[in-house]
């Protein structure tokens, strides 16, 4: 938490799927003692709850209404975080491949982004945060004190995702994961609303040949140098 007069410190981490944003953001938040704001989980939660309520992922009106009222809570669970949405633990369900695609689709809906933008800013108004996503440094927190754009080549990102799915008991074919990832890159970068792009003042880090610890060390040095 920050004191009454202090300005919360925001670390913004953007980049494409599979670049390692979530792993690094969680680790960095732990080292700094900051709140981890998993923005991807918010969009995934909207996609999942919409699916459960039989709201199509292209129904902009009802998706917008859902985003405005959806109750999402990030609950500490040991060294991890559980995601509770609409009153149920959705931590595992939002990581399904189908929901990943749904999150990409609903994130292109202006009404959804507007609804979740307010949630993200309320969290950051109360505490120092490490936030990761695709438009954190450009749209959500344009005044963030430290911004990073994390990238990796597509093969590395697809391999990481394939291993992640296998570890979760959901084996997938590398070629399929790669094709899906490239399609998602195109959607995220080409959408009209808040497209994926590097903020002009963001530090770009290529994680293709780096371990998460090496990436975190680089980021930590920048954050500390800026007073975080």
Protein backbone atom coordinates (compact mmCIF):
# COMPACT_ATOMS: atom_id res chain seq x y z
CA UNK A 1 0.00 0.00 0.00
CA UNK A 2 1.03 3.59 -0.50
CA UNK A 3 0.73 6.43 1.98
CA UNK A 4 -2.10 8.94 1.66
CA UNK A 5 0.06 11.51 -0.17
CA UNK A 6 2.26 9.18 -2.20
CA UNK A 7 1.75 8.63 -5.92
CA UNK A 8 1.53 4.88 -6.58
CA UNK A 9 4.34 3.47 -8.71
CA UNK A 10 3.18 1.64 -11.82
CA UNK A 11 5.27 -0.86 -13.77
CA UNK A 12 3.70 -1.52 -17.18
CA UNK A 13 4.71 -4.64 -19.12
CA UNK A 14 3.33 -5.11 -22.64
CA UNK A 15 4.05 -7.59 -25.40
CA UNK A 16 2.61 -10.42 -27.50
CA UNK A 17 1.32 -13.74 -26.17
CA UNK A 18 4.03 -16.14 -25.03
CA UNK A 19 6.72 -13.51 -24.49
CA UNK A 20 6.76 -14.36 -20.79
CA UNK A 21 4.87 -11.34 -19.46
CA UNK A 22 2.84 -13.12 -16.79
CA UNK A 23 5.75 -15.09 -15.34
CA UNK A 24 7.99 -12.03 -15.20
CA UNK A 25 5.26 -9.71 -13.92
CA UNK A 26 4.35 -12.06 -11.07
CA UNK A 27 7.98 -12.50 -10.08
CA UNK A 28 8.73 -8.79 -10.29
CA UNK A 29 5.67 -7.90 -8.21
CA UNK A 30 6.80 -10.35 -5.53
CA UNK A 31 10.33 -8.93 -5.43
CA UNK A 32 9.07 -5.36 -5.26
CA UNK A 33 6.24 -6.10 -2.85
CA UNK A 34 3.77 -4.65 -5.37
CA UNK A 35 0.28 -5.80 -6.35
CA UNK A 36 0.24 -7.97 -9.49
CA UNK A 37 -2.48 -6.74 -11.83
CA UNK A 38 -3.17 -9.52 -14.33
CA UNK A 39 -5.11 -7.64 -16.99
CA UNK A 40 -5.18 -10.68 -19.25
CA UNK A 41 -7.13 -12.54 -16.56
CA UNK A 42 -9.74 -9.78 -16.65
CA UNK A 43 -10.38 -10.22 -20.38
CA UNK A 44 -10.25 -13.99 -20.05
CA UNK A 45 -12.82 -13.78 -17.25
CA UNK A 46 -15.15 -11.74 -19.44
CA UNK A 47 -14.80 -14.28 -22.25
CA UNK A 48 -15.42 -17.23 -19.91
CA UNK A 49 -18.41 -15.76 -18.10
CA UNK A 50 -19.87 -14.60 -21.42
CA UNK A 51 -19.57 -18.15 -22.71
CA UNK A 52 -21.25 -19.49 -19.57
CA UNK A 53 -24.07 -16.98 -19.97
CA UNK A 54 -24.38 -17.77 -23.67
CA UNK A 55 -23.35 -14.27 -24.71
CA UNK A 56 -21.63 -14.43 -28.14
CA UNK A 57 -18.12 -12.97 -28.25
CA UNK A 58 -19.28 -10.54 -30.95
CA UNK A 59 -22.29 -9.25 -29.01
CA UNK A 60 -20.84 -5.84 -28.19
CA UNK A 61 -23.85 -4.55 -26.26
CA UNK A 62 -24.14 -7.42 -23.79
CA UNK A 63 -20.38 -7.86 -23.51
CA UNK A 64 -20.07 -4.21 -22.54
CA UNK A 65 -22.77 -4.59 -19.91
CA UNK A 66 -21.03 -7.67 -18.54
CA UNK A 67 -17.64 -5.91 -18.31
CA UNK A 68 -19.14 -3.01 -16.39
CA UNK A 69 -20.71 -5.15 -13.68
CA UNK A 70 -18.53 -8.29 -13.56
CA UNK A 71 -16.99 -8.84 -10.14
CA UNK A 72 -13.39 -10.07 -10.49
CA UNK A 73 -11.17 -10.61 -7.46
CA UNK A 74 -7.46 -11.51 -7.36
CA UNK A 75 -6.94 -13.54 -4.18
CA UNK A 76 -3.48 -14.38 -2.82
CA UNK A 77 -2.90 -18.12 -2.55
CA UNK A 78 0.56 -18.87 -1.18
CA UNK A 79 3.00 -17.66 -3.82
CA UNK A 80 0.28 -17.57 -6.43
CA UNK A 81 -2.97 -15.79 -7.13
CA UNK A 82 -6.44 -17.22 -7.60
CA UNK A 83 -8.90 -15.49 -9.90
CA UNK A 84 -12.49 -15.38 -8.70
CA UNK A 85 -15.08 -14.14 -11.20
CA UNK A 86 -18.84 -14.07 -10.89
CA UNK A 87 -18.49 -15.78 -7.52
CA UNK A 88 -16.50 -18.82 -8.65
CA UNK A 89 -12.82 -19.74 -8.88
CA UNK A 90 -11.93 -19.54 -12.57
CA UNK A 91 -8.14 -19.70 -12.22
CA UNK A 92 -7.80 -22.84 -14.34
CA UNK A 93 -10.79 -22.39 -16.64
CA UNK A 94 -9.62 -19.04 -18.04
CA UNK A 95 -6.38 -20.65 -19.26
CA UNK A 96 -8.13 -22.93 -21.76
CA UNK A 97 -7.03 -22.41 -25.37
CA UNK A 98 -10.61 -21.61 -26.41
CA UNK A 99 -10.88 -18.90 -23.78
CA UNK A 100 -7.53 -17.45 -24.90
CA UNK A 101 -9.06 -16.91 -28.32
CA UNK A 102 -12.20 -15.50 -26.71
CA UNK A 103 -10.15 -13.05 -24.66
CA UNK A 104 -8.48 -11.77 -27.82
CA UNK A 105 -11.86 -11.28 -29.45
CA UNK A 106 -13.64 -9.56 -26.57
CA UNK A 107 -10.61 -7.32 -25.95
CA UNK A 108 -11.30 -5.71 -29.34
CA UNK A 109 -14.73 -4.54 -28.13
CA UNK A 110 -14.52 -0.85 -27.07
CA UNK A 111 -17.28 -1.27 -24.47
CA UNK A 112 -15.39 -4.12 -22.81
CA UNK A 113 -12.12 -2.19 -22.70
CA UNK A 114 -13.90 0.82 -21.21
CA UNK A 115 -15.52 -1.27 -18.50
CA UNK A 116 -12.30 -3.02 -17.48
CA UNK A 117 -10.21 0.14 -17.76
CA UNK A 118 -12.00 1.59 -14.74
CA UNK A 119 -11.29 -1.57 -12.70
CA UNK A 120 -7.58 -1.47 -13.51
CA UNK A 121 -7.19 2.18 -12.65
CA UNK A 122 -9.01 1.78 -9.33
CA UNK A 123 -6.54 -0.93 -8.31
CA UNK A 124 -3.54 1.23 -9.25
CA UNK A 125 -4.94 4.24 -7.41
CA UNK A 126 -4.66 2.35 -4.13
CA UNK A 127 -1.33 0.54 -4.41
CA UNK A 128 1.92 0.18 -6.32
CA UNK A 129 1.32 -2.28 -9.14
CA UNK A 130 3.01 -4.38 -11.79
CA UNK A 131 0.55 -4.70 -14.68
CA UNK A 132 0.93 -6.77 -17.80
CA UNK A 133 -1.04 -6.88 -21.02
CA UNK A 134 -1.06 -5.43 -24.51
CA UNK A 135 -1.98 -1.78 -24.02
CA UNK A 136 -0.85 -1.09 -20.45
CA UNK A 137 1.80 1.49 -21.24
CA UNK A 138 -0.08 3.05 -24.16
CA UNK A 139 -3.69 3.23 -22.93
CA UNK A 140 -4.29 1.97 -19.40
CA UNK A 141 -1.35 3.64 -17.64
CA UNK A 142 0.27 6.06 -20.12
CA UNK A 143 1.98 7.85 -17.21
CA UNK A 144 3.51 4.69 -15.73
CA UNK A 145 6.91 5.39 -14.21
CA UNK A 146 8.46 2.26 -15.76
CA UNK A 147 7.35 0.72 -19.06
CA UNK A 148 8.62 -2.43 -20.73
CA UNK A 149 7.83 -4.13 -24.03
CA UNK A 150 8.68 -7.82 -23.79
CA UNK A 151 9.14 -9.74 -27.03
CA UNK A 152 10.42 -13.12 -28.24
CA UNK A 153 10.50 -14.84 -31.61
CA UNK A 154 7.29 -16.68 -32.57
CA UNK A 155 8.81 -20.18 -32.38
CA UNK A 156 10.05 -19.58 -28.84
CA UNK A 157 6.69 -18.20 -27.77
CA UNK A 158 4.79 -21.12 -29.30
CA UNK A 159 7.14 -23.62 -27.67
CA UNK A 160 6.61 -22.02 -24.27
CA UNK A 161 2.85 -22.12 -24.71
CA UNK A 162 2.94 -25.76 -25.83
CA UNK A 163 4.93 -26.73 -22.73
CA UNK A 164 2.60 -24.71 -20.53
CA UNK A 165 -0.43 -26.53 -21.90
CA UNK A 166 1.26 -29.90 -21.46
CA UNK A 167 2.11 -29.08 -17.84
CA UNK A 168 -1.57 -28.26 -17.27
CA UNK A 169 -2.58 -31.66 -18.66
CA UNK A 170 -3.76 -30.23 -21.97
CA UNK A 171 -1.26 -31.46 -24.58
CA UNK A 172 -1.28 -29.57 -27.87
CA UNK A 173 0.49 -29.84 -31.22
CA UNK A 174 3.25 -27.25 -31.63
CA UNK A 175 2.22 -26.36 -35.20
CA UNK A 176 -1.35 -25.69 -34.09
CA UNK A 177 -0.21 -23.53 -31.18
CA UNK A 178 2.09 -21.57 -33.47
CA UNK A 179 -0.65 -20.97 -36.04
CA UNK A 180 -3.08 -19.84 -33.35
CA UNK A 181 -0.46 -17.53 -31.84
CA UNK A 182 0.33 -15.89 -35.17
CA UNK A 183 -3.39 -15.37 -35.80
CA UNK A 184 -3.75 -13.80 -32.38
CA UNK A 185 -0.75 -11.54 -33.01
CA UNK A 186 -2.46 -10.29 -36.16
CA UNK A 187 -5.73 -9.63 -34.34
CA UNK A 188 -4.07 -7.87 -31.40
CA UNK A 189 -1.84 -5.70 -33.58
CA UNK A 190 -4.47 -4.91 -36.22
CA UNK A 191 -7.50 -4.10 -34.10
CA UNK A 192 -8.84 -0.56 -34.31
CA UNK A 193 -9.11 -0.10 -30.54
CA UNK A 194 -5.92 -0.08 -28.40
CA UNK A 195 -3.78 -2.23 -30.73
CA UNK A 196 -0.69 -4.00 -29.44
CA UNK A 197 2.27 -1.66 -29.88
CA UNK A 198 5.30 -0.50 -27.95
CA UNK A 199 4.98 2.77 -26.07
CA UNK A 200 7.58 5.28 -27.25
CA UNK A 201 9.14 5.43 -23.79
CA UNK A 202 9.09 1.68 -23.13
CA UNK A 203 12.27 -0.35 -22.67
CA UNK A 204 12.17 -3.27 -25.13
CA UNK A 205 13.54 -6.62 -23.94
CA UNK A 206 13.87 -9.70 -26.15
CA UNK A 207 13.38 -12.73 -23.91
CA UNK A 208 14.08 -15.34 -26.62
CA UNK A 209 17.48 -16.26 -25.12
CA UNK A 210 16.93 -15.00 -21.57
CA UNK A 211 15.62 -16.75 -18.48
CA UNK A 212 12.77 -15.16 -16.53
CA UNK A 213 15.27 -14.35 -13.77
CA UNK A 214 17.49 -12.47 -16.23
CA UNK A 215 14.54 -10.49 -17.57
CA UNK A 216 13.40 -9.64 -14.04
CA UNK A 217 16.89 -8.52 -13.04
CA UNK A 218 16.95 -6.11 -15.99
CA UNK A 219 13.52 -4.73 -15.13
CA UNK A 220 14.28 -4.47 -11.43
CA UNK A 221 17.36 -2.37 -12.15
CA UNK A 222 15.30 0.04 -14.25
CA UNK A 223 12.52 0.28 -11.65
CA UNK A 224 14.97 0.92 -8.81
CA UNK A 225 16.76 3.58 -10.86
CA UNK A 226 13.43 5.37 -11.29
CA UNK A 227 12.53 5.34 -7.61
CA UNK A 228 10.36 2.23 -7.48
